[in-house]
C-alpha atoms as a PDB file:
ATOM      1  CA  MET A   1      64.957 -50.945 -48.415  1.00  0.00           C
ATOM      2  CA  ALA A   2      64.572 -47.382 -47.956  1.00  0.00           C
ATOM      3  CA  ARG A   3      60.901 -45.858 -47.900  1.00  0.00           C
ATOM      4  CA  ASP A   4      59.730 -43.118 -50.065  1.00  0.00           C
ATOM      5  CA  PRO A   5      59.568 -39.884 -49.105  1.00  0.00           C
ATOM      6  CA  VAL A   6      56.239 -38.333 -48.925  1.00  0.00           C
ATOM      7  CA  GLY A   7      55.882 -35.796 -51.199  1.00  0.00           C
ATOM      8  CA  ILE A   8      53.046 -32.679 -51.786  1.00  0.00           C
ATOM      9  CA  ILE A   9      53.113 -33.161 -55.427  1.00  0.00           C
ATOM     10  CA  ASP A  10      52.588 -36.142 -57.210  1.00  0.00           C
ATOM     11  CA  TYR A  11      54.689 -38.142 -59.968  1.00  0.00           C
ATOM     12  CA  PHE A  12      52.386 -36.155 -62.369  1.00  0.00           C
ATOM     13  CA  ARG A  13      52.931 -32.722 -60.898  1.00  0.00           C
ATOM     14  CA  VAL A  14      49.527 -32.635 -59.283  1.00  0.00           C
ATOM     15  CA  PRO A  15      49.093 -30.954 -55.908  1.00  0.00           C
ATOM     16  CA  LYS A  16      48.226 -33.449 -53.044  1.00  0.00           C
ATOM     17  CA  MET A  17      46.151 -31.975 -50.003  1.00  0.00           C
ATOM     18  CA  SER A  18      49.227 -31.264 -48.126  1.00  0.00           C
ATOM     19  CA  TYR A  19      50.404 -28.713 -50.618  1.00  0.00           C
ATOM     20  CA  TYR A  20      47.459 -26.531 -49.679  1.00  0.00           C
ATOM     21  CA  ALA A  21      47.811 -27.131 -46.165  1.00  0.00           C
ATOM     22  CA  VAL A  22      51.833 -25.972 -46.846  1.00  0.00           C
ATOM     23  CA  LYS A  23      50.609 -23.368 -49.398  1.00  0.00           C
ATOM     24  CA  SER A  24      48.366 -21.785 -46.617  1.00  0.00           C
ATOM     25  CA  ALA A  25      50.958 -21.846 -43.808  1.00  0.00           C
ATOM     26  CA  GLN A  26      53.414 -19.743 -45.839  1.00  0.00           C
ATOM     27  CA  ALA A  27      50.866 -17.295 -46.932  1.00  0.00           C
ATOM     28  CA  ARG A  28      52.717 -13.696 -46.896  1.00  0.00           C
ATOM     29  CA  LEU A  29      49.436 -12.271 -45.053  1.00  0.00           C
ATOM     30  CA  ALA A  30      47.721 -14.094 -42.008  1.00  0.00           C
ATOM     31  CA  LEU A  31      45.518 -13.425 -39.132  1.00  0.00           C
ATOM     32  CA  ASN A  32      45.778 -15.318 -36.056  1.00  0.00           C
ATOM     33  CA  PHE A  33      44.298 -15.852 -32.773  1.00  0.00           C
ATOM     34  CA  ALA A  34      46.477 -16.322 -29.638  1.00  0.00           C
ATOM     35  CA  TYR A  35      44.242 -18.047 -27.091  1.00  0.00           C
ATOM     36  CA  GLU A  36      46.644 -19.680 -24.498  1.00  0.00           C
ATOM     37  CA  GLU A  37      44.153 -21.644 -22.504  1.00  0.00           C
ATOM     38  CA  ALA A  38      42.108 -22.982 -25.905  1.00  0.00           C
ATOM     39  CA  LEU A  39      42.470 -26.741 -24.340  1.00  0.00           C
ATOM     40  CA  GLU A  40      41.253 -25.868 -20.633  1.00  0.00           C
ATOM     41  CA  SER A  41      37.792 -25.451 -18.874  1.00  0.00           C
ATOM     42  CA  GLN A  42      36.649 -22.365 -18.812  1.00  0.00           C
ATOM     43  CA  VAL A  43      35.102 -20.794 -15.554  1.00  0.00           C
ATOM     44  CA  SER A  44      31.362 -19.749 -16.270  1.00  0.00           C
ATOM     45  CA  GLY A  45      31.058 -16.005 -16.400  1.00  0.00           C
ATOM     46  CA  LYS A  46      34.654 -15.631 -16.925  1.00  0.00           C
ATOM     47  CA  ARG A  47      35.037 -13.155 -19.626  1.00  0.00           C
ATOM     48  CA  LEU A  48      37.134 -14.725 -22.758  1.00  0.00           C
ATOM     49  CA  GLU A  49      39.859 -12.457 -23.929  1.00  0.00           C
ATOM     50  CA  ILE A  50      41.530 -13.819 -27.243  1.00  0.00           C
ATOM     51  CA  SER A  51      43.771 -11.405 -28.978  1.00  0.00           C
ATOM     52  CA  ALA A  52      43.989 -11.345 -32.944  1.00  0.00           C
ATOM     53  CA  TRP A  53      47.320 -10.597 -34.717  1.00  0.00           C
ATOM     54  CA  VAL A  54      47.932  -9.684 -38.472  1.00  0.00           C
ATOM     55  CA  ILE A  55      51.238 -10.788 -39.693  1.00  0.00           C
ATOM     56  CA  ASN A  56      52.398  -9.184 -43.011  1.00  0.00           C
ATOM     57  CA  ASP A  57      55.201 -10.366 -45.036  1.00  0.00           C
ATOM     58  CA  TYR A  58      54.659  -8.182 -47.914  1.00  0.00           C
ATOM     59  CA  PRO A  59      57.802  -5.454 -48.576  1.00  0.00           C
ATOM     60  CA  GLN A  60      54.684  -2.723 -47.948  1.00  0.00           C
ATOM     61  CA  GLU A  61      52.479  -1.436 -45.239  1.00  0.00           C
ATOM     62  CA  LEU A  62      48.820  -2.596 -45.827  1.00  0.00           C
ATOM     63  CA  ALA A  63      45.675  -1.013 -44.764  1.00  0.00           C
ATOM     64  CA  LEU A  64      43.207  -3.515 -43.874  1.00  0.00           C
ATOM     65  CA  GLU A  65      39.307  -4.119 -42.316  1.00  0.00           C
ATOM     66  CA  VAL A  66      39.111  -6.963 -40.524  1.00  0.00           C
ATOM     67  CA  ARG A  67      35.860  -8.513 -39.149  1.00  0.00           C
ATOM     68  CA  CYS A  68      36.000 -11.100 -36.265  1.00  0.00           C
ATOM     69  CA  ALA A  69      33.127 -13.299 -35.092  1.00  0.00           C
ATOM     70  CA  ILE A  70      32.216 -16.308 -33.266  1.00  0.00           C
ATOM     71  CA  ARG A  71      29.447 -18.398 -33.853  1.00  0.00           C
ATOM     72  CA  ASN A  72      27.766 -21.112 -32.327  1.00  0.00           C
ATOM     73  CA  LEU A  73      27.592 -24.492 -33.220  1.00  0.00           C
ATOM     74  CA  SER A  74      24.563 -23.947 -35.230  1.00  0.00           C
ATOM     75  CA  GLY A  75      26.516 -21.084 -37.251  1.00  0.00           C
ATOM     76  CA  ARG A  76      24.432 -18.326 -35.488  1.00  0.00           C
ATOM     77  CA  VAL A  77      26.913 -15.276 -35.164  1.00  0.00           C
ATOM     78  CA  ILE A  78      27.030 -14.681 -30.898  1.00  0.00           C
ATOM     79  CA  TRP A  79      29.694 -11.786 -31.523  1.00  0.00           C
ATOM     80  CA  SER A  80      31.352  -9.884 -33.654  1.00  0.00           C
ATOM     81  CA  LYS A  81      33.788  -6.860 -33.812  1.00  0.00           C
ATOM     82  CA  ASP A  82      35.111  -5.080 -37.252  1.00  0.00           C
ATOM     83  CA  PHE A  83      38.771  -3.760 -36.975  1.00  0.00           C
ATOM     84  CA  ASN A  84      40.634  -1.118 -39.229  1.00  0.00           C
ATOM     85  CA  THR A  85      44.639  -1.112 -38.855  1.00  0.00           C
ATOM     86  CA  VAL A  86      47.540  -0.621 -40.748  1.00  0.00           C
ATOM     87  CA  VAL A  87      50.238  -3.312 -40.606  1.00  0.00           C
ATOM     88  CA  PRO A  88      53.827  -1.838 -41.542  1.00  0.00           C
ATOM     89  CA  ALA A  89      55.843  -3.653 -44.126  1.00  0.00           C
ATOM     90  CA  ASP A  90      57.289  -7.454 -42.960  1.00  0.00           C
ATOM     91  CA  SER A  91      55.970  -7.145 -39.745  1.00  0.00           C
ATOM     92  CA  LYS A  92      53.157  -8.576 -37.413  1.00  0.00           C
ATOM     93  CA  LYS A  93      50.184  -6.298 -35.242  1.00  0.00           C
ATOM     94  CA  GLN A  94      47.855  -7.102 -32.432  1.00  0.00           C
ATOM     95  CA  ILE A  95      44.731  -5.837 -33.439  1.00  0.00           C
ATOM     96  CA  ALA A  96      42.287  -6.499 -30.700  1.00  0.00           C
END
């Protein structure tokens, strides 16, 4: 007996939660943080450096204002910085 494939839209054409995850993953504009050591312990006092990348899959360049912030577990902002950048069409750019 063959198993039914798991779909992202149900029989009544109502999107399931996985539909929205795929939609977000396929966004034409994305901001990503590249942190290789995210799962490793960090030495106290070590300067934390996390690269920020913008991916632009639109056919035109985009001028962007990006605000990055780190919050503690209570939601209080402990660091923030604003970036202005232009990302070429169908390209990616490291902004920080």
